[in-house]
C-alpha atoms as a PDB file:
ATOM      1  CA  MET A   1     -30.823  26.653  -0.565  1.00  0.00           C
ATOM      2  CA  PRO A   2     -32.460  23.249  -0.036  1.00  0.00           C
ATOM      3  CA  TYR A   3     -30.561  20.247   1.269  1.00  0.00           C
ATOM      4  CA  CYS A   4     -31.007  16.499   1.144  1.00  0.00           C
ATOM      5  CA  PRO A   5     -31.489  15.127   4.670  1.00  0.00           C
ATOM      6  CA  GLU A   6     -29.963  11.779   3.613  1.00  0.00           C
ATOM      7  CA  CYS A   7     -26.749  12.594   1.718  1.00  0.00           C
ATOM      8  CA  ARG A   8     -26.588  16.203   2.987  1.00  0.00           C
ATOM      9  CA  ASP A   9     -25.898  17.633  -0.487  1.00  0.00           C
ATOM     10  CA  GLU A  10     -26.925  21.195  -1.309  1.00  0.00           C
ATOM     11  CA  PHE A  11     -29.127  21.941  -4.336  1.00  0.00           C
ATOM     12  CA  GLN A  12     -30.410  24.927  -6.275  1.00  0.00           C
ATOM     13  CA  ASP A  13     -33.763  26.365  -5.190  1.00  0.00           C
ATOM     14  CA  TRP A  14     -35.720  24.845  -8.097  1.00  0.00           C
ATOM     15  CA  VAL A  15     -34.746  21.264  -7.131  1.00  0.00           C
ATOM     16  CA  LYS A  16     -37.370  19.637  -4.871  1.00  0.00           C
ATOM     17  CA  VAL A  17     -36.158  16.012  -4.616  1.00  0.00           C
ATOM     18  CA  CYS A  18     -32.623  14.643  -4.293  1.00  0.00           C
ATOM     19  CA  PRO A  19     -31.885  12.842  -7.582  1.00  0.00           C
ATOM     20  CA  ASP A  20     -29.672  10.265  -5.819  1.00  0.00           C
ATOM     21  CA  CYS A  21     -31.650   9.522  -2.635  1.00  0.00           C
ATOM     22  CA  LYS A  22     -35.163  10.198  -4.025  1.00  0.00           C
ATOM     23  CA  VAL A  23     -35.946  12.125  -0.816  1.00  0.00           C
ATOM     24  CA  ALA A  24     -37.727  15.476  -0.515  1.00  0.00           C
ATOM     25  CA  LEU A  25     -35.312  18.322   0.197  1.00  0.00           C
ATOM     26  CA  VAL A  26     -35.470  20.431   3.372  1.00  0.00           C
ATOM     27  CA  ALA A  27     -34.634  24.087   4.042  1.00  0.00           C
ATOM     28  CA  GLU A  28     -32.213  23.278   6.868  1.00  0.00           C
ATOM     29  CA  LEU A  29     -30.217  20.181   7.626  1.00  0.00           C
ATOM     30  CA  PRO A  30     -30.895  18.435  10.918  1.00  0.00           C
ATOM     31  CA  LEU A  31     -27.932  18.296  13.272  1.00  0.00           C
ATOM     32  CA  GLN A  32     -25.786  15.250  12.739  1.00  0.00           C
ATOM     33  CA  PRO A  33     -25.864  12.827  15.636  1.00  0.00           C
ATOM     34  CA  LYS A  34     -22.737  12.944  17.720  1.00  0.00           C
ATOM     35  CA  ARG A  35     -20.392  10.120  16.836  1.00  0.00           C
ATOM     36  CA  GLU A  36     -19.816   7.682  19.598  1.00  0.00           C
ATOM     37  CA  GLU A  37     -16.260   7.537  20.790  1.00  0.00           C
ATOM     38  CA  ILE A  38     -14.809   4.081  21.085  1.00  0.00           C
ATOM     39  CA  ASP A  39     -12.017   3.529  23.557  1.00  0.00           C
ATOM     40  CA  GLU A  40     -10.904   0.158  22.268  1.00  0.00           C
ATOM     41  CA  PRO A  41      -7.598  -0.829  20.699  1.00  0.00           C
ATOM     42  CA  LEU A  42      -7.204  -1.767  17.062  1.00  0.00           C
ATOM     43  CA  VAL A  43      -5.778  -5.196  16.279  1.00  0.00           C
ATOM     44  CA  HIS A  44      -3.875  -6.290  13.169  1.00  0.00           C
ATOM     45  CA  ILE A  45      -5.729  -9.257  11.660  1.00  0.00           C
ATOM     46  CA  ALA A  46      -4.250  -9.696   8.187  1.00  0.00           C
ATOM     47  CA  THR A  47      -1.829  -8.333   5.625  1.00  0.00           C
ATOM     48  CA  ALA A  48      -2.970  -8.132   2.019  1.00  0.00           C
ATOM     49  CA  PRO A  49      -0.408  -8.372  -0.780  1.00  0.00           C
ATOM     50  CA  ASN A  50      -1.625  -5.105  -2.305  1.00  0.00           C
ATOM     51  CA  GLU A  51      -4.068  -2.244  -1.836  1.00  0.00           C
ATOM     52  CA  SER A  52      -6.659  -3.651  -4.260  1.00  0.00           C
ATOM     53  CA  ILE A  53      -7.027  -6.903  -2.355  1.00  0.00           C
ATOM     54  CA  ALA A  54      -7.018  -4.990   0.957  1.00  0.00           C
ATOM     55  CA  ASN A  55      -9.933  -2.863  -0.283  1.00  0.00           C
ATOM     56  CA  MET A  56     -11.789  -5.994  -1.393  1.00  0.00           C
ATOM     57  CA  TRP A  57     -11.305  -7.590   2.032  1.00  0.00           C
ATOM     58  CA  ALA A  58     -12.351  -4.350   3.748  1.00  0.00           C
ATOM     59  CA  GLY A  59     -15.561  -4.370   1.701  1.00  0.00           C
ATOM     60  CA  ILE A  60     -16.279  -7.955   2.739  1.00  0.00           C
ATOM     61  CA  LEU A  61     -15.776  -7.052   6.402  1.00  0.00           C
ATOM     62  CA  GLU A  62     -17.993  -3.977   6.071  1.00  0.00           C
ATOM     63  CA  GLU A  63     -20.744  -6.143   4.544  1.00  0.00           C
ATOM     64  CA  HIS A  64     -20.630  -8.060   7.832  1.00  0.00           C
ATOM     65  CA  GLY A  65     -20.806  -4.846   9.856  1.00  0.00           C
ATOM     66  CA  ILE A  66     -17.120  -4.779  10.804  1.00  0.00           C
ATOM     67  CA  ARG A  67     -15.359  -1.471  10.284  1.00  0.00           C
ATOM     68  CA  CYS A  68     -11.660  -1.645   9.529  1.00  0.00           C
ATOM     69  CA  LEU A  69      -8.596   0.485   8.992  1.00  0.00           C
ATOM     70  CA  LEU A  70      -6.180  -0.132   6.119  1.00  0.00           C
ATOM     71  CA  LYS A  71      -2.561   0.804   6.663  1.00  0.00           C
ATOM     72  CA  SER A  72       0.228   0.640   4.137  1.00  0.00           C
ATOM     73  CA  ALA A  73       2.998  -1.613   5.352  1.00  0.00           C
ATOM     74  CA  ASP A  74       5.624   0.886   4.182  1.00  0.00           C
ATOM     75  CA  LEU A  75       4.233   4.368   3.742  1.00  0.00           C
ATOM     76  CA  ARG A  76       7.600   5.852   2.767  1.00  0.00           C
ATOM     77  CA  ALA A  77       7.841   3.539  -0.226  1.00  0.00           C
ATOM     78  CA  ALA A  78       4.490   4.771  -1.570  1.00  0.00           C
ATOM     79  CA  MET A  79       6.227   7.769  -3.096  1.00  0.00           C
ATOM     80  CA  TYR A  80       8.500   5.587  -5.186  1.00  0.00           C
ATOM     81  CA  CYS A  81       6.432   2.606  -6.310  1.00  0.00           C
ATOM     82  CA  PHE A  82       2.954   1.709  -7.452  1.00  0.00           C
ATOM     83  CA  THR A  83       0.446   0.746  -4.770  1.00  0.00           C
ATOM     84  CA  TYR A  84      -0.528  -2.462  -6.576  1.00  0.00           C
ATOM     85  CA  ASN A  85       2.601  -4.161  -5.248  1.00  0.00           C
ATOM     86  CA  MET A  86       2.618  -2.715  -1.709  1.00  0.00           C
ATOM     87  CA  ARG A  87       1.439  -4.799   1.211  1.00  0.00           C
ATOM     88  CA  CYS A  88      -1.435  -3.380   3.221  1.00  0.00           C
ATOM     89  CA  GLU A  89      -2.317  -4.225   6.826  1.00  0.00           C
ATOM     90  CA  ILE A  90      -5.928  -4.593   7.978  1.00  0.00           C
ATOM     91  CA  HIS A  91      -6.831  -3.552  11.524  1.00  0.00           C
ATOM     92  CA  VAL A  92     -10.168  -3.958  13.344  1.00  0.00           C
ATOM     93  CA  LEU A  93     -11.463  -3.328  16.849  1.00  0.00           C
ATOM     94  CA  ALA A  94     -10.179  -5.932  19.314  1.00  0.00           C
ATOM     95  CA  SER A  95     -13.742  -7.064  20.101  1.00  0.00           C
ATOM     96  CA  GLU A  96     -14.339  -7.880  16.412  1.00  0.00           C
ATOM     97  CA  ALA A  97     -10.970  -9.444  15.620  1.00  0.00           C
ATOM     98  CA  GLU A  98     -11.964 -13.109  15.930  1.00  0.00           C
ATOM     99  CA  GLN A  99     -15.079 -12.680  13.789  1.00  0.00           C
ATOM    100  CA  ALA A 100     -13.079 -10.737  11.182  1.00  0.00           C
ATOM    101  CA  LYS A 101     -10.421 -13.465  11.047  1.00  0.00           C
ATOM    102  CA  GLU A 102     -13.111 -16.115  10.516  1.00  0.00           C
ATOM    103  CA  ILE A 103     -14.656 -14.096   7.686  1.00  0.00           C
ATOM    104  CA  LEU A 104     -11.306 -13.588   5.939  1.00  0.00           C
ATOM    105  CA  ALA A 105     -10.003 -17.127   6.592  1.00  0.00           C
ATOM    106  CA  PRO A 106     -10.968 -18.545   3.148  1.00  0.00           C
ATOM    107  CA  PHE A 107      -9.225 -15.650   1.384  1.00  0.00           C
ATOM    108  CA  LEU A 108      -6.107 -15.979   3.517  1.00  0.00           C
ATOM    109  CA  GLU A 109      -5.988 -19.725   2.826  1.00  0.00           C
ATOM    110  CA  ASP A 110      -6.249 -19.073  -0.938  1.00  0.00           C
ATOM    111  CA  LEU A 111      -3.462 -16.519  -0.685  1.00  0.00           C
ATOM    112  CA  THR A 112      -1.229 -18.957   1.217  1.00  0.00           C
ATOM    113  CA  ARG A 113      -1.969 -21.728  -1.291  1.00  0.00           C
ATOM    114  CA  GLU A 114      -1.129 -19.436  -4.247  1.00  0.00           C
ATOM    115  CA  SER A 115       2.171 -18.329  -2.709  1.00  0.00           C
ATOM    116  CA  LYS A 116       3.300 -21.976  -2.408  1.00  0.00           C
ATOM    117  CA  ILE A 117       2.727 -22.642  -6.107  1.00  0.00           C
END
């Protein structure tokens, strides 16, 4: 079976090019590079009012090359209520915390302004 070297999907033998990546398929996938292990603490930088806004903020950070972790503020409550009204914490590597805070500052200011209205 041929594989796409980009997305690593498997295809039937008659397929020659990955329809998504537009890359020629190969008989065997190359070994994935070993992920680098990072021994650095995560830091809480913001709390979003709900999961949707947290995902939006995470996307903005990722556009700037900052990976983040989203954590529900109360995981036990997730079984009993909708996620649209659950707070969600955003964590980043300590070395990227200041840059992440600067990137999210305008959104946090808007959120603070809206809560005062």
